[in-house]
Amino acid sequence: MKKLVLLIGCILISGVLGAQSFEVSGLQESYKGTIGDLIKAPLRFKNNTERPITLILRKVETQIGGTQKNYFCVDNNCLDQRTEDYILKIEPGQTLQNFAIGLEAGLVEGFSEVKYIVYNKSNFAESSQINLNFIVEGKPEKSNIYSSQFITIHDVYPNPVTDHANINYQLHDDVVKTKIVIHNILGNALSEYELSYAETKVKILADQFSSGIYFYTLYIENEGVMTRKLIVKK
């Protein structure tokens, strides 16, 4: 523990000296989500040199709730919360854009904070401190946007969406075939989700979509009965 404290102290003191071989971007003042969500804070790491570098990302402090968990996330895979360090290998001039810090929002509204140090493995003097603030809000009141003898469906949330959204529904008939289709502004279908009688929520994946305006349509027996806007914001 003493060695860790000494290392962090040296990094914080020396990190202001000299030119950095790397830079961290993409930080926001805070990241918001609702109870039960996985809130992601995307980070970008750029190698400013003409040689490969290895960065160590180290968690140094957390102030999170008892029902919350904190992760390193690469693409859509999040590592176990007990992982304190993560190694980032970056080629010359490369910018890593598939990395994020994730917070499992838990069951209670509130404010959470996680702090990290990222430093060049070959030169501790090159470092940056990363402070991430997460705001967990209560789930919005669900409003019915369509109801019939076959189905009652609520609006998508969250909207705008970053990586995934949810639609709650209740099927009243276990035989009728229903689905949600996501399409772009040109009307081209991009993804399709069958609605199961045994479930009450469907997850809409949007991580593969670029920022922009999309639409989702409810189909009952292959007939479109309702269309709403879906905004993707990266």
C-alpha atoms as a PDB file:
ATOM      1  CA  MET A   1       0.000   0.000   0.000  1.00  0.00           C
ATOM      2  CA  LYS A   2       2.841   2.425   0.860  1.00  0.00           C
ATOM      3  CA  LYS A   3       4.426   1.734  -2.512  1.00  0.00           C
ATOM      4  CA  LEU A   4       1.123   2.445  -4.276  1.00  0.00           C
ATOM      5  CA  VAL A   5       0.682   5.747  -2.388  1.00  0.00           C
ATOM      6  CA  LEU A   6       4.266   6.735  -3.160  1.00  0.00           C
ATOM      7  CA  LEU A   7       3.818   5.865  -6.844  1.00  0.00           C
ATOM      8  CA  ILE A   8       0.632   7.900  -7.109  1.00  0.00           C
ATOM      9  CA  GLY A   9       2.248  10.816  -5.317  1.00  0.00           C
ATOM     10  CA  CYS A  10       5.227  10.795  -7.669  1.00  0.00           C
ATOM     11  CA  ILE A  11       2.949  10.612 -10.693  1.00  0.00           C
ATOM     12  CA  LEU A  12       0.812  13.535  -9.552  1.00  0.00           C
ATOM     13  CA  ILE A  13       3.855  15.685  -8.810  1.00  0.00           C
ATOM     14  CA  SER A  14       5.835  14.835 -11.926  1.00  0.00           C
ATOM     15  CA  GLY A  15       2.868  14.630 -14.310  1.00  0.00           C
ATOM     16  CA  VAL A  16       2.947  18.365 -14.919  1.00  0.00           C
ATOM     17  CA  LEU A  17       6.517  18.270 -16.207  1.00  0.00           C
ATOM     18  CA  GLY A  18       7.584  17.782 -19.817  1.00  0.00           C
ATOM     19  CA  ALA A  19       5.629  17.039 -22.944  1.00  0.00           C
ATOM     20  CA  GLN A  20       3.178  14.151 -22.823  1.00  0.00           C
ATOM     21  CA  SER A  21       3.647  11.185 -25.125  1.00  0.00           C
ATOM     22  CA  PHE A  22      -0.129  10.668 -24.951  1.00  0.00           C
ATOM     23  CA  GLU A  23      -3.353  12.568 -24.438  1.00  0.00           C
ATOM     24  CA  VAL A  24      -6.763  11.661 -23.060  1.00  0.00           C
ATOM     25  CA  SER A  25      -9.917  13.136 -24.598  1.00  0.00           C
ATOM     26  CA  GLY A  26     -13.657  12.607 -24.636  1.00  0.00           C
ATOM     27  CA  LEU A  27     -14.204  13.597 -21.005  1.00  0.00           C
ATOM     28  CA  GLN A  28     -17.515  15.181 -20.000  1.00  0.00           C
ATOM     29  CA  GLU A  29     -18.437  17.059 -16.852  1.00  0.00           C
ATOM     30  CA  SER A  30     -20.761  14.222 -15.839  1.00  0.00           C
ATOM     31  CA  TYR A  31     -22.440  11.102 -17.190  1.00  0.00           C
ATOM     32  CA  LYS A  32     -26.130  10.476 -16.571  1.00  0.00           C
ATOM     33  CA  GLY A  33     -28.251   7.362 -16.514  1.00  0.00           C
ATOM     34  CA  THR A  34     -31.245   5.856 -14.766  1.00  0.00           C
ATOM     35  CA  ILE A  35     -31.574   3.229 -12.078  1.00  0.00           C
ATOM     36  CA  GLY A  36     -30.637  -0.198 -13.445  1.00  0.00           C
ATOM     37  CA  ASP A  37     -28.644   1.146 -16.413  1.00  0.00           C
ATOM     38  CA  LEU A  38     -25.009   0.521 -17.289  1.00  0.00           C
ATOM     39  CA  ILE A  39     -23.670   4.064 -17.672  1.00  0.00           C
ATOM     40  CA  LYS A  40     -20.585   4.336 -19.872  1.00  0.00           C
ATOM     41  CA  ALA A  41     -17.990   7.115 -19.988  1.00  0.00           C
ATOM     42  CA  PRO A  42     -16.143   6.707 -23.328  1.00  0.00           C
ATOM     43  CA  LEU A  43     -12.447   7.681 -23.242  1.00  0.00           C
ATOM     44  CA  ARG A  44     -10.006   8.210 -26.093  1.00  0.00           C
ATOM     45  CA  PHE A  45      -6.258   7.668 -25.712  1.00  0.00           C
ATOM     46  CA  LYS A  46      -3.925   9.056 -28.374  1.00  0.00           C
ATOM     47  CA  ASN A  47      -0.254   8.152 -28.881  1.00  0.00           C
ATOM     48  CA  ASN A  48       1.519  11.385 -29.839  1.00  0.00           C
ATOM     49  CA  THR A  49       4.836   9.698 -30.596  1.00  0.00           C
ATOM     50  CA  GLU A  50       6.380   7.736 -33.437  1.00  0.00           C
ATOM     51  CA  ARG A  51       6.886   4.647 -31.311  1.00  0.00           C
ATOM     52  CA  PRO A  52       4.519   2.217 -29.549  1.00  0.00           C
ATOM     53  CA  ILE A  53       3.685   3.081 -25.963  1.00  0.00           C
ATOM     54  CA  THR A  54       2.089   1.188 -23.094  1.00  0.00           C
ATOM     55  CA  LEU A  55      -0.220   3.038 -20.713  1.00  0.00           C
ATOM     56  CA  ILE A  56      -1.335   1.849 -17.288  1.00  0.00           C
ATOM     57  CA  LEU A  57      -4.804   2.968 -16.229  1.00  0.00           C
ATOM     58  CA  ARG A  58      -5.124   2.607 -12.460  1.00  0.00           C
ATOM     59  CA  LYS A  59      -8.179   3.112 -10.270  1.00  0.00           C
ATOM     60  CA  VAL A  60      -7.200   5.167  -7.215  1.00  0.00           C
ATOM     61  CA  GLU A  61     -10.477   6.127  -5.542  1.00  0.00           C
ATOM     62  CA  THR A  62     -14.196   5.275  -5.745  1.00  0.00           C
ATOM     63  CA  GLN A  63     -17.231   6.785  -4.093  1.00  0.00           C
ATOM     64  CA  ILE A  64     -20.067   4.585  -5.315  1.00  0.00           C
ATOM     65  CA  GLY A  65     -23.207   3.109  -3.817  1.00  0.00           C
ATOM     66  CA  GLY A  66     -23.535  -0.318  -2.266  1.00  0.00           C
ATOM     67  CA  THR A  67     -25.572  -1.649  -5.202  1.00  0.00           C
ATOM     68  CA  GLN A  68     -23.268  -0.150  -7.823  1.00  0.00           C
ATOM     69  CA  LYS A  69     -20.345  -1.737  -9.666  1.00  0.00           C
ATOM     70  CA  ASN A  70     -17.523  -0.169 -11.640  1.00  0.00           C
ATOM     71  CA  TYR A  71     -15.888  -1.652 -14.751  1.00  0.00           C
ATOM     72  CA  PHE A  72     -13.304  -1.225 -17.483  1.00  0.00           C
ATOM     73  CA  CYS A  73     -15.147  -1.739 -20.792  1.00  0.00           C
ATOM     74  CA  VAL A  74     -13.638  -2.598 -24.183  1.00  0.00           C
ATOM     75  CA  ASP A  75     -16.106  -2.594 -27.068  1.00  0.00           C
ATOM     76  CA  ASN A  76     -19.194  -4.074 -25.387  1.00  0.00           C
ATOM     77  CA  ASN A  77     -17.284  -6.291 -22.935  1.00  0.00           C
ATOM     78  CA  CYS A  78     -16.909  -5.095 -19.351  1.00  0.00           C
ATOM     79  CA  LEU A  79     -14.330  -6.636 -17.027  1.00  0.00           C
ATOM     80  CA  ASP A  80     -14.834  -7.724 -13.427  1.00  0.00           C
ATOM     81  CA  GLN A  81     -14.961  -4.780 -11.003  1.00  0.00           C
ATOM     82  CA  ARG A  82     -12.063  -6.224  -8.986  1.00  0.00           C
ATOM     83  CA  THR A  83      -9.686  -5.377 -11.845  1.00  0.00           C
ATOM     84  CA  GLU A  84      -7.819  -2.313 -10.533  1.00  0.00           C
ATOM     85  CA  ASP A  85      -5.387  -1.791 -13.447  1.00  0.00           C
ATOM     86  CA  TYR A  86      -5.819  -1.927 -17.195  1.00  0.00           C
ATOM     87  CA  ILE A  87      -2.993  -2.007 -19.761  1.00  0.00           C
ATOM     88  CA  LEU A  88      -3.417  -0.037 -22.985  1.00  0.00           C
ATOM     89  CA  LYS A  89      -0.983  -0.708 -25.824  1.00  0.00           C
ATOM     90  CA  ILE A  90      -1.115   1.994 -28.487  1.00  0.00           C
ATOM     91  CA  GLU A  91       0.688   2.067 -31.820  1.00  0.00           C
ATOM     92  CA  PRO A  92       2.440   5.233 -33.142  1.00  0.00           C
ATOM     93  CA  GLY A  93      -0.091   7.967 -33.908  1.00  0.00           C
ATOM     94  CA  GLN A  94      -3.003   5.673 -33.026  1.00  0.00           C
ATOM     95  CA  THR A  95      -6.085   6.789 -31.086  1.00  0.00           C
ATOM     96  CA  LEU A  96      -7.940   4.099 -29.104  1.00  0.00           C
ATOM     97  CA  GLN A  97     -11.671   4.768 -29.310  1.00  0.00           C
ATOM     98  CA  ASN A  98     -13.236   1.511 -28.116  1.00  0.00           C
ATOM     99  CA  PHE A  99     -12.588   1.993 -24.396  1.00  0.00           C
ATOM    100  CA  ALA A 100     -14.956   3.186 -21.675  1.00  0.00           C
ATOM    101  CA  ILE A 101     -15.390   3.251 -17.924  1.00  0.00           C
ATOM    102  CA  GLY A 102     -18.696   1.677 -16.947  1.00  0.00           C
ATOM    103  CA  LEU A 103     -20.839   2.146 -13.864  1.00  0.00           C
ATOM    104  CA  GLU A 104     -23.675  -0.244 -13.083  1.00  0.00           C
ATOM    105  CA  ALA A 105     -26.132   2.320 -11.739  1.00  0.00           C
ATOM    106  CA  GLY A 106     -27.677   0.094  -9.096  1.00  0.00           C
ATOM    107  CA  LEU A 107     -30.978   0.659  -7.326  1.00  0.00           C
ATOM    108  CA  VAL A 108     -30.718   4.131  -5.798  1.00  0.00           C
ATOM    109  CA  GLU A 109     -30.621   7.644  -7.251  1.00  0.00           C
ATOM    110  CA  GLY A 110     -27.588   9.760  -6.449  1.00  0.00           C
ATOM    111  CA  PHE A 111     -24.078  10.946  -7.324  1.00  0.00           C
ATOM    112  CA  SER A 112     -21.025   8.701  -7.735  1.00  0.00           C
ATOM    113  CA  GLU A 113     -17.373   9.471  -8.436  1.00  0.00           C
ATOM    114  CA  VAL A 114     -14.461   7.358  -9.653  1.00  0.00           C
ATOM    115  CA  LYS A 115     -10.860   8.578  -9.989  1.00  0.00           C
ATOM    116  CA  TYR A 116      -8.046   7.122 -12.094  1.00  0.00           C
ATOM    117  CA  ILE A 117      -4.418   7.765 -12.909  1.00  0.00           C
ATOM    118  CA  VAL A 118      -3.124   6.929 -16.378  1.00  0.00           C
ATOM    119  CA  TYR A 119       0.629   6.927 -16.928  1.00  0.00           C
ATOM    120  CA  ASN A 120       3.264   5.868 -19.430  1.00  0.00           C
ATOM    121  CA  LYS A 121       4.726   2.570 -18.266  1.00  0.00           C
ATOM    122  CA  SER A 122       8.216   3.583 -19.406  1.00  0.00           C
ATOM    123  CA  ASN A 123       8.064   7.091 -17.939  1.00  0.00           C
ATOM    124  CA  PHE A 124       6.059   7.730 -14.755  1.00  0.00           C
ATOM    125  CA  ALA A 125       6.507  11.493 -15.272  1.00  0.00           C
ATOM    126  CA  GLU A 126       4.003  11.315 -18.124  1.00  0.00           C
ATOM    127  CA  SER A 127       0.626  10.982 -16.468  1.00  0.00           C
ATOM    128  CA  SER A 128      -2.901  12.329 -16.278  1.00  0.00           C
ATOM    129  CA  GLN A 129      -5.595  12.178 -13.632  1.00  0.00           C
ATOM    130  CA  ILE A 130      -9.112  11.254 -14.737  1.00  0.00           C
ATOM    131  CA  ASN A 131     -12.109  12.194 -12.572  1.00  0.00           C
ATOM    132  CA  LEU A 132     -15.459  10.730 -13.625  1.00  0.00           C
ATOM    133  CA  ASN A 133     -18.774  11.877 -12.157  1.00  0.00           C
ATOM    134  CA  PHE A 134     -21.904   9.767 -12.588  1.00  0.00           C
ATOM    135  CA  ILE A 135     -25.449  10.949 -11.905  1.00  0.00           C
ATOM    136  CA  VAL A 136     -28.072   8.246 -11.399  1.00  0.00           C
ATOM    137  CA  GLU A 137     -31.656   9.389 -11.879  1.00  0.00           C
ATOM    138  CA  GLY A 138     -34.946   7.659 -11.235  1.00  0.00           C
ATOM    139  CA  LYS A 139     -36.623   5.901 -14.099  1.00  0.00           C
ATOM    140  CA  PRO A 140     -38.971   8.212 -15.989  1.00  0.00           C
ATOM    141  CA  GLU A 141     -42.662   7.582 -15.654  1.00  0.00           C
ATOM    142  CA  LYS A 142     -43.647   5.289 -18.464  1.00  0.00           C
ATOM    143  CA  SER A 143     -46.382   6.545 -20.760  1.00  0.00           C
ATOM    144  CA  ASN A 144     -48.407   4.365 -23.070  1.00  0.00           C
ATOM    145  CA  ILE A 145     -47.799   5.357 -26.678  1.00  0.00           C
ATOM    146  CA  TYR A 146     -49.931   2.605 -28.177  1.00  0.00           C
ATOM    147  CA  SER A 147     -52.569   0.272 -26.786  1.00  0.00           C
ATOM    148  CA  SER A 148     -54.880  -2.271 -28.417  1.00  0.00           C
ATOM    149  CA  GLN A 149     -56.439  -5.640 -27.703  1.00  0.00           C
ATOM    150  CA  PHE A 150     -53.097  -7.194 -28.657  1.00  0.00           C
ATOM    151  CA  ILE A 151     -50.445  -5.041 -26.963  1.00  0.00           C
ATOM    152  CA  THR A 152     -49.740  -2.075 -24.708  1.00  0.00           C
ATOM    153  CA  ILE A 153     -46.367  -0.462 -25.378  1.00  0.00           C
ATOM    154  CA  HIS A 154     -44.397   2.342 -23.727  1.00  0.00           C
ATOM    155  CA  ASP A 155     -42.013   4.842 -25.287  1.00  0.00           C
ATOM    156  CA  VAL A 156     -38.305   4.058 -25.699  1.00  0.00           C
ATOM    157  CA  TYR A 157     -35.885   5.131 -22.939  1.00  0.00           C
ATOM    158  CA  PRO A 158     -33.380   6.652 -22.732  1.00  0.00           C
ATOM    159  CA  ASN A 159     -33.857   8.845 -25.787  1.00  0.00           C
ATOM    160  CA  PRO A 160     -31.367  10.134 -26.960  1.00  0.00           C
ATOM    161  CA  VAL A 161     -29.500   6.846 -26.669  1.00  0.00           C
ATOM    162  CA  THR A 162     -25.753   6.110 -26.716  1.00  0.00           C
ATOM    163  CA  ASP A 163     -25.380   2.337 -26.864  1.00  0.00           C
ATOM    164  CA  HIS A 164     -28.723   0.746 -25.982  1.00  0.00           C
ATOM    165  CA  ALA A 165     -32.292   1.671 -25.066  1.00  0.00           C
ATOM    166  CA  ASN A 166     -35.284  -0.208 -23.695  1.00  0.00           C
ATOM    167  CA  ILE A 167     -38.938  -0.507 -24.637  1.00  0.00           C
ATOM    168  CA  ASN A 168     -41.424  -1.887 -22.103  1.00  0.00           C
ATOM    169  CA  TYR A 169     -44.520  -3.625 -23.362  1.00  0.00           C
ATOM    170  CA  GLN A 170     -47.287  -6.035 -22.391  1.00  0.00           C
ATOM    171  CA  LEU A 171     -48.638  -8.553 -24.903  1.00  0.00           C
ATOM    172  CA  HIS A 172     -52.292  -9.457 -24.338  1.00  0.00           C
ATOM    173  CA  ASP A 173     -52.364 -12.315 -26.846  1.00  0.00           C
ATOM    174  CA  ASP A 174     -49.845 -15.170 -26.885  1.00  0.00           C
ATOM    175  CA  VAL A 175     -50.548 -16.012 -30.539  1.00  0.00           C
ATOM    176  CA  VAL A 176     -50.309 -12.667 -32.304  1.00  0.00           C
ATOM    177  CA  LYS A 177     -46.905 -11.900 -33.862  1.00  0.00           C
ATOM    178  CA  THR A 178     -45.418  -8.527 -32.994  1.00  0.00           C
ATOM    179  CA  LYS A 179     -42.022  -6.948 -33.601  1.00  0.00           C
ATOM    180  CA  ILE A 180     -40.086  -3.691 -33.464  1.00  0.00           C
ATOM    181  CA  VAL A 181     -38.150  -2.610 -36.561  1.00  0.00           C
ATOM    182  CA  ILE A 182     -35.471   0.103 -36.468  1.00  0.00           C
ATOM    183  CA  HIS A 183     -34.975   2.038 -39.703  1.00  0.00           C
ATOM    184  CA  ASN A 184     -33.157   5.150 -40.870  1.00  0.00           C
ATOM    185  CA  ILE A 185     -34.657   8.344 -42.303  1.00  0.00           C
ATOM    186  CA  LEU A 186     -34.661   6.765 -45.764  1.00  0.00           C
ATOM    187  CA  GLY A 187     -36.880   3.951 -44.511  1.00  0.00           C
ATOM    188  CA  ASN A 188     -34.205   1.260 -44.735  1.00  0.00           C
ATOM    189  CA  ALA A 189     -34.621  -1.420 -42.050  1.00  0.00           C
ATOM    190  CA  LEU A 190     -31.503  -1.715 -39.873  1.00  0.00           C
ATOM    191  CA  SER A 191     -32.513  -4.158 -37.143  1.00  0.00           C
ATOM    192  CA  GLU A 192     -35.540  -6.155 -36.015  1.00  0.00           C
ATOM    193  CA  TYR A 193     -36.724  -7.411 -32.611  1.00  0.00           C
ATOM    194  CA  GLU A 194     -39.437 -10.014 -32.099  1.00  0.00           C
ATOM    195  CA  LEU A 195     -41.563  -9.329 -29.010  1.00  0.00           C
ATOM    196  CA  SER A 196     -42.027 -12.352 -26.792  1.00  0.00           C
ATOM    197  CA  TYR A 197     -45.195 -13.023 -24.813  1.00  0.00           C
ATOM    198  CA  ALA A 198     -43.014 -14.286 -21.950  1.00  0.00           C
ATOM    199  CA  GLU A 199     -41.108 -10.972 -21.671  1.00  0.00           C
ATOM    200  CA  THR A 200     -42.095  -7.392 -20.892  1.00  0.00           C
ATOM    201  CA  LYS A 201     -39.029  -5.497 -22.134  1.00  0.00           C
ATOM    202  CA  VAL A 202     -36.904  -5.481 -25.269  1.00  0.00           C
ATOM    203  CA  LYS A 203     -33.370  -4.026 -25.486  1.00  0.00           C
ATOM    204  CA  ILE A 204     -32.665  -1.947 -28.593  1.00  0.00           C
ATOM    205  CA  LEU A 205     -28.978  -1.975 -29.561  1.00  0.00           C
ATOM    206  CA  ALA A 206     -27.726   1.303 -31.011  1.00  0.00           C
ATOM    207  CA  ASP A 207     -23.967   1.049 -30.492  1.00  0.00           C
ATOM    208  CA  GLN A 208     -23.431   0.203 -34.173  1.00  0.00           C
ATOM    209  CA  PHE A 209     -25.355   3.275 -35.331  1.00  0.00           C
ATOM    210  CA  SER A 210     -23.824   6.671 -36.082  1.00  0.00           C
ATOM    211  CA  SER A 211     -25.183   9.768 -34.363  1.00  0.00           C
ATOM    212  CA  GLY A 212     -28.411  10.920 -35.951  1.00  0.00           C
ATOM    213  CA  ILE A 213     -32.167  10.449 -36.172  1.00  0.00           C
ATOM    214  CA  TYR A 214     -33.720   7.001 -36.613  1.00  0.00           C
ATOM    215  CA  PHE A 215     -37.228   5.585 -36.210  1.00  0.00           C
ATOM    216  CA  TYR A 216     -38.749   2.512 -34.611  1.00  0.00           C
ATOM    217  CA  THR A 217     -41.984   0.964 -35.830  1.00  0.00           C
ATOM    218  CA  LEU A 218     -44.288  -1.480 -34.084  1.00  0.00           C
ATOM    219  CA  TYR A 219     -45.613  -4.213 -36.358  1.00  0.00           C
ATOM    220  CA  ILE A 220     -48.597  -6.421 -35.531  1.00  0.00           C
ATOM    221  CA  GLU A 221     -48.959  -9.370 -37.886  1.00  0.00           C
ATOM    222  CA  ASN A 222     -46.545  -7.614 -40.303  1.00  0.00           C
ATOM    223  CA  GLU A 223     -48.628  -4.415 -40.396  1.00  0.00           C
ATOM    224  CA  GLY A 224     -46.978  -1.224 -39.151  1.00  0.00           C
ATOM    225  CA  VAL A 225     -49.265   0.391 -36.571  1.00  0.00           C
ATOM    226  CA  MET A 226     -47.044   2.991 -34.863  1.00  0.00           C
ATOM    227  CA  THR A 227     -43.767   4.813 -35.562  1.00  0.00           C
ATOM    228  CA  ARG A 228     -41.707   6.961 -33.168  1.00  0.00           C
ATOM    229  CA  LYS A 229     -38.396   8.822 -33.365  1.00  0.00           C
ATOM    230  CA  LEU A 230     -35.170   7.412 -31.903  1.00  0.00           C
ATOM    231  CA  ILE A 231     -32.198   9.781 -31.502  1.00  0.00           C
ATOM    232  CA  VAL A 232     -28.677   8.337 -31.321  1.00  0.00           C
ATOM    233  CA  LYS A 233     -26.063  10.559 -29.713  1.00  0.00           C
ATOM    234  CA  LYS A 234     -22.428   9.443 -29.343  1.00  0.00           C
END
